[in-house]
Amino acid sequence: MQVTADRIGKAAIMAAISSREEEDLIKEQILAHPTWKVGITYVTGRRSEIEKGFVKSIVACALNGGVIHNRPGAVHGVIHAGLECLQGVSATVVAESNLKLKVALVSDGHWVAVAAHGESAFHPTTNHERIGFGVMHI
């Protein structure tokens, strides 16, 4: 089955859920679009710690990776898309659960999508996957 990254939100989700082996292929698909940019980062720790540092981490990834330009509107868009994503991935997680997330950001110059995928664990028998997603105009 061939899946195409034809929208930035779909591309961000595909990049976030990809294995390391699949990541390069997905990045190639994303970068085949002339105006699209992609950045990937990893965030791990207790939910309470991640909530404090998530936005800083994704803004740094977006700026350092050239996903967005250092303009107030673009940074503001990443912050809001990131908060929406974080809400989706952590809203029902016990505060001291551990999270291990791969976060992908994709921009087309007008919009930015943030997707996070990974695992949460409060107790070894409760490990399971989680995903969060947000999109905002930049």
C-alpha atoms as a PDB file:
ATOM      1  CA  MET A   1       0.000   0.000   0.000  1.00  0.00           C
ATOM      2  CA  GLN A   2       1.336   3.415  -0.961  1.00  0.00           C
ATOM      3  CA  VAL A   3       0.307   6.376   1.204  1.00  0.00           C
ATOM      4  CA  THR A   4       1.005   9.873  -0.093  1.00  0.00           C
ATOM      5  CA  ALA A   5       1.725  12.915   2.045  1.00  0.00           C
ATOM      6  CA  ASP A   6      -0.583  15.249   0.115  1.00  0.00           C
ATOM      7  CA  ARG A   7      -1.559  17.609   2.971  1.00  0.00           C
ATOM      8  CA  ILE A   8       0.673  19.059   5.682  1.00  0.00           C
ATOM      9  CA  GLY A   9      -1.389  17.580   8.505  1.00  0.00           C
ATOM     10  CA  LYS A  10      -1.255  14.123   6.996  1.00  0.00           C
ATOM     11  CA  ALA A  11       2.473  14.577   6.350  1.00  0.00           C
ATOM     12  CA  ALA A  12       3.113  15.559   9.983  1.00  0.00           C
ATOM     13  CA  ILE A  13       1.180  12.538  11.248  1.00  0.00           C
ATOM     14  CA  MET A  14       3.023  10.215   8.856  1.00  0.00           C
ATOM     15  CA  ALA A  15       6.385  11.611   9.982  1.00  0.00           C
ATOM     16  CA  ALA A  16       5.461  11.351  13.674  1.00  0.00           C
ATOM     17  CA  ILE A  17       4.364   7.713  13.427  1.00  0.00           C
ATOM     18  CA  SER A  18       7.229   6.650  11.169  1.00  0.00           C
ATOM     19  CA  SER A  19      10.026   4.335  12.200  1.00  0.00           C
ATOM     20  CA  ARG A  20      13.582   5.556  11.745  1.00  0.00           C
ATOM     21  CA  GLU A  21      13.754   3.482   8.545  1.00  0.00           C
ATOM     22  CA  GLU A  22      10.575   5.065   7.141  1.00  0.00           C
ATOM     23  CA  GLU A  23      11.445   8.604   8.222  1.00  0.00           C
ATOM     24  CA  ASP A  24      13.816   9.381   5.341  1.00  0.00           C
ATOM     25  CA  LEU A  25      11.269   8.246   2.745  1.00  0.00           C
ATOM     26  CA  ILE A  26       8.561  10.378   4.313  1.00  0.00           C
ATOM     27  CA  LYS A  27      10.897  13.387   4.503  1.00  0.00           C
ATOM     28  CA  GLU A  28      11.619  12.944   0.776  1.00  0.00           C
ATOM     29  CA  GLN A  29       7.875  12.967   0.030  1.00  0.00           C
ATOM     30  CA  ILE A  30       7.381  16.083   2.140  1.00  0.00           C
ATOM     31  CA  LEU A  31      10.341  17.958   0.669  1.00  0.00           C
ATOM     32  CA  ALA A  32       9.190  17.114  -2.869  1.00  0.00           C
ATOM     33  CA  HIS A  33       6.653  19.902  -2.334  1.00  0.00           C
ATOM     34  CA  PRO A  34       8.584  23.093  -3.155  1.00  0.00           C
ATOM     35  CA  THR A  35       7.266  25.180  -0.236  1.00  0.00           C
ATOM     36  CA  TRP A  36       7.026  22.485   2.447  1.00  0.00           C
ATOM     37  CA  LYS A  37       9.472  22.197   5.336  1.00  0.00           C
ATOM     38  CA  VAL A  38       9.746  19.477   7.990  1.00  0.00           C
ATOM     39  CA  GLY A  39      11.335  19.182  11.400  1.00  0.00           C
ATOM     40  CA  ILE A  40      11.420  16.253  13.803  1.00  0.00           C
ATOM     41  CA  THR A  41      12.298  16.194  17.488  1.00  0.00           C
ATOM     42  CA  TYR A  42      11.879  13.834  20.422  1.00  0.00           C
ATOM     43  CA  VAL A  43      10.416  14.691  23.816  1.00  0.00           C
ATOM     44  CA  THR A  44      10.577  12.343  26.807  1.00  0.00           C
ATOM     45  CA  GLY A  45       9.872  12.576  30.508  1.00  0.00           C
ATOM     46  CA  ARG A  46       7.071  12.794  33.002  1.00  0.00           C
ATOM     47  CA  ARG A  47       3.908  14.445  31.749  1.00  0.00           C
ATOM     48  CA  SER A  48       4.344  17.362  34.162  1.00  0.00           C
ATOM     49  CA  GLU A  49       7.887  17.963  32.824  1.00  0.00           C
ATOM     50  CA  ILE A  50       6.831  17.656  29.195  1.00  0.00           C
ATOM     51  CA  GLU A  51       4.027  20.163  29.658  1.00  0.00           C
ATOM     52  CA  LYS A  52       6.621  22.692  30.871  1.00  0.00           C
ATOM     53  CA  GLY A  53       9.082  22.164  28.009  1.00  0.00           C
ATOM     54  CA  PHE A  54       7.042  20.953  25.026  1.00  0.00           C
ATOM     55  CA  VAL A  55       6.385  24.350  23.465  1.00  0.00           C
ATOM     56  CA  LYS A  56      10.009  25.485  23.869  1.00  0.00           C
ATOM     57  CA  SER A  57      11.206  22.260  22.264  1.00  0.00           C
ATOM     58  CA  ILE A  58       8.961  22.487  19.206  1.00  0.00           C
ATOM     59  CA  VAL A  59       9.565  26.214  18.685  1.00  0.00           C
ATOM     60  CA  ALA A  60      13.323  25.530  18.773  1.00  0.00           C
ATOM     61  CA  CYS A  61      12.881  22.655  16.310  1.00  0.00           C
ATOM     62  CA  ALA A  62      10.787  24.838  13.988  1.00  0.00           C
ATOM     63  CA  LEU A  63      13.248  27.743  14.046  1.00  0.00           C
ATOM     64  CA  ASN A  64      16.500  25.752  13.993  1.00  0.00           C
ATOM     65  CA  GLY A  65      15.188  23.415  11.292  1.00  0.00           C
ATOM     66  CA  GLY A  66      13.912  26.210   9.053  1.00  0.00           C
ATOM     67  CA  VAL A  67      10.316  24.982   9.278  1.00  0.00           C
ATOM     68  CA  ILE A  68       9.214  28.573   9.961  1.00  0.00           C
ATOM     69  CA  HIS A  69      10.790  32.017   9.746  1.00  0.00           C
ATOM     70  CA  ASN A  70      11.525  33.865  12.977  1.00  0.00           C
ATOM     71  CA  ARG A  71       8.454  36.088  12.763  1.00  0.00           C
ATOM     72  CA  PRO A  72       5.925  36.660  15.561  1.00  0.00           C
ATOM     73  CA  GLY A  73       2.993  35.247  13.556  1.00  0.00           C
ATOM     74  CA  ALA A  74       4.866  32.084  12.633  1.00  0.00           C
ATOM     75  CA  VAL A  75       6.117  31.462  16.175  1.00  0.00           C
ATOM     76  CA  HIS A  76       2.607  32.172  17.483  1.00  0.00           C
ATOM     77  CA  GLY A  77       1.183  29.593  15.048  1.00  0.00           C
ATOM     78  CA  VAL A  78       3.654  26.926  16.185  1.00  0.00           C
ATOM     79  CA  ILE A  79       2.815  27.638  19.823  1.00  0.00           C
ATOM     80  CA  HIS A  80      -0.926  27.225  19.250  1.00  0.00           C
ATOM     81  CA  ALA A  81      -0.616  24.143  17.028  1.00  0.00           C
ATOM     82  CA  GLY A  82       1.757  22.668  19.616  1.00  0.00           C
ATOM     83  CA  LEU A  83      -0.617  23.328  22.500  1.00  0.00           C
ATOM     84  CA  GLU A  84      -3.459  21.695  20.561  1.00  0.00           C
ATOM     85  CA  CYS A  85      -1.217  18.705  19.867  1.00  0.00           C
ATOM     86  CA  LEU A  86      -0.094  18.482  23.493  1.00  0.00           C
ATOM     87  CA  GLN A  87      -3.697  18.587  24.699  1.00  0.00           C
ATOM     88  CA  GLY A  88      -4.527  15.644  22.464  1.00  0.00           C
ATOM     89  CA  VAL A  89      -1.573  13.534  23.519  1.00  0.00           C
ATOM     90  CA  SER A  90      -1.611  14.220  27.266  1.00  0.00           C
ATOM     91  CA  ALA A  91      -5.116  15.242  28.380  1.00  0.00           C
ATOM     92  CA  THR A  92      -6.032  11.905  29.946  1.00  0.00           C
ATOM     93  CA  VAL A  93      -2.561  10.918  31.154  1.00  0.00           C
ATOM     94  CA  VAL A  94      -1.903  10.669  34.886  1.00  0.00           C
ATOM     95  CA  ALA A  95       0.384  13.589  35.832  1.00  0.00           C
ATOM     96  CA  GLU A  96       3.361  11.448  36.766  1.00  0.00           C
ATOM     97  CA  SER A  97       3.110   9.062  33.826  1.00  0.00           C
ATOM     98  CA  ASN A  98       6.132   8.869  31.565  1.00  0.00           C
ATOM     99  CA  LEU A  99       5.782   9.886  27.937  1.00  0.00           C
ATOM    100  CA  LYS A 100       8.112   9.158  25.043  1.00  0.00           C
ATOM    101  CA  LEU A 101       7.090  11.163  21.973  1.00  0.00           C
ATOM    102  CA  LYS A 102       8.313  11.725  18.450  1.00  0.00           C
ATOM    103  CA  VAL A 103       7.134  15.148  17.304  1.00  0.00           C
ATOM    104  CA  ALA A 104       6.938  16.225  13.652  1.00  0.00           C
ATOM    105  CA  LEU A 105       6.319  19.742  12.371  1.00  0.00           C
ATOM    106  CA  VAL A 106       5.393  20.440   8.738  1.00  0.00           C
ATOM    107  CA  SER A 107       4.802  23.865   7.213  1.00  0.00           C
ATOM    108  CA  ASP A 108       3.773  25.055   3.763  1.00  0.00           C
ATOM    109  CA  GLY A 109       4.551  28.703   4.488  1.00  0.00           C
ATOM    110  CA  HIS A 110       0.931  29.516   5.364  1.00  0.00           C
ATOM    111  CA  TRP A 111       0.017  26.785   7.847  1.00  0.00           C
ATOM    112  CA  VAL A 112       1.937  24.642  10.318  1.00  0.00           C
ATOM    113  CA  ALA A 113       0.963  21.163  11.531  1.00  0.00           C
ATOM    114  CA  VAL A 114       2.348  19.549  14.681  1.00  0.00           C
ATOM    115  CA  ALA A 115       1.898  15.828  15.356  1.00  0.00           C
ATOM    116  CA  ALA A 116       3.211  13.815  18.296  1.00  0.00           C
ATOM    117  CA  HIS A 117       3.167  10.032  18.568  1.00  0.00           C
ATOM    118  CA  GLY A 118       4.606   7.753  21.193  1.00  0.00           C
ATOM    119  CA  GLU A 119       3.920   5.842  24.371  1.00  0.00           C
ATOM    120  CA  SER A 120       2.689   6.625  27.841  1.00  0.00           C
ATOM    121  CA  ALA A 121       3.318   4.537  30.924  1.00  0.00           C
ATOM    122  CA  PHE A 122       2.232   4.901  34.519  1.00  0.00           C
ATOM    123  CA  HIS A 123       2.927   1.254  35.310  1.00  0.00           C
ATOM    124  CA  PRO A 124       4.707  -1.291  33.063  1.00  0.00           C
ATOM    125  CA  THR A 125       1.440  -3.097  32.372  1.00  0.00           C
ATOM    126  CA  THR A 126      -0.280   0.086  31.179  1.00  0.00           C
ATOM    127  CA  ASN A 127       2.070   1.120  28.329  1.00  0.00           C
ATOM    128  CA  HIS A 128       0.182   2.134  25.230  1.00  0.00           C
ATOM    129  CA  GLU A 129       0.387   4.386  22.190  1.00  0.00           C
ATOM    130  CA  ARG A 130      -0.830   7.976  22.063  1.00  0.00           C
ATOM    131  CA  ILE A 131      -1.127  10.580  19.340  1.00  0.00           C
ATOM    132  CA  GLY A 132      -1.800  14.314  19.355  1.00  0.00           C
ATOM    133  CA  PHE A 133      -2.254  16.752  16.490  1.00  0.00           C
ATOM    134  CA  GLY A 134      -2.672  20.470  15.899  1.00  0.00           C
ATOM    135  CA  VAL A 135      -2.758  22.846  12.926  1.00  0.00           C
ATOM    136  CA  MET A 136      -2.574  26.638  12.896  1.00  0.00           C
ATOM    137  CA  HIS A 137      -2.266  29.443  10.357  1.00  0.00           C
ATOM    138  CA  ILE A 138       1.117  31.185  10.425  1.00  0.00           C
END
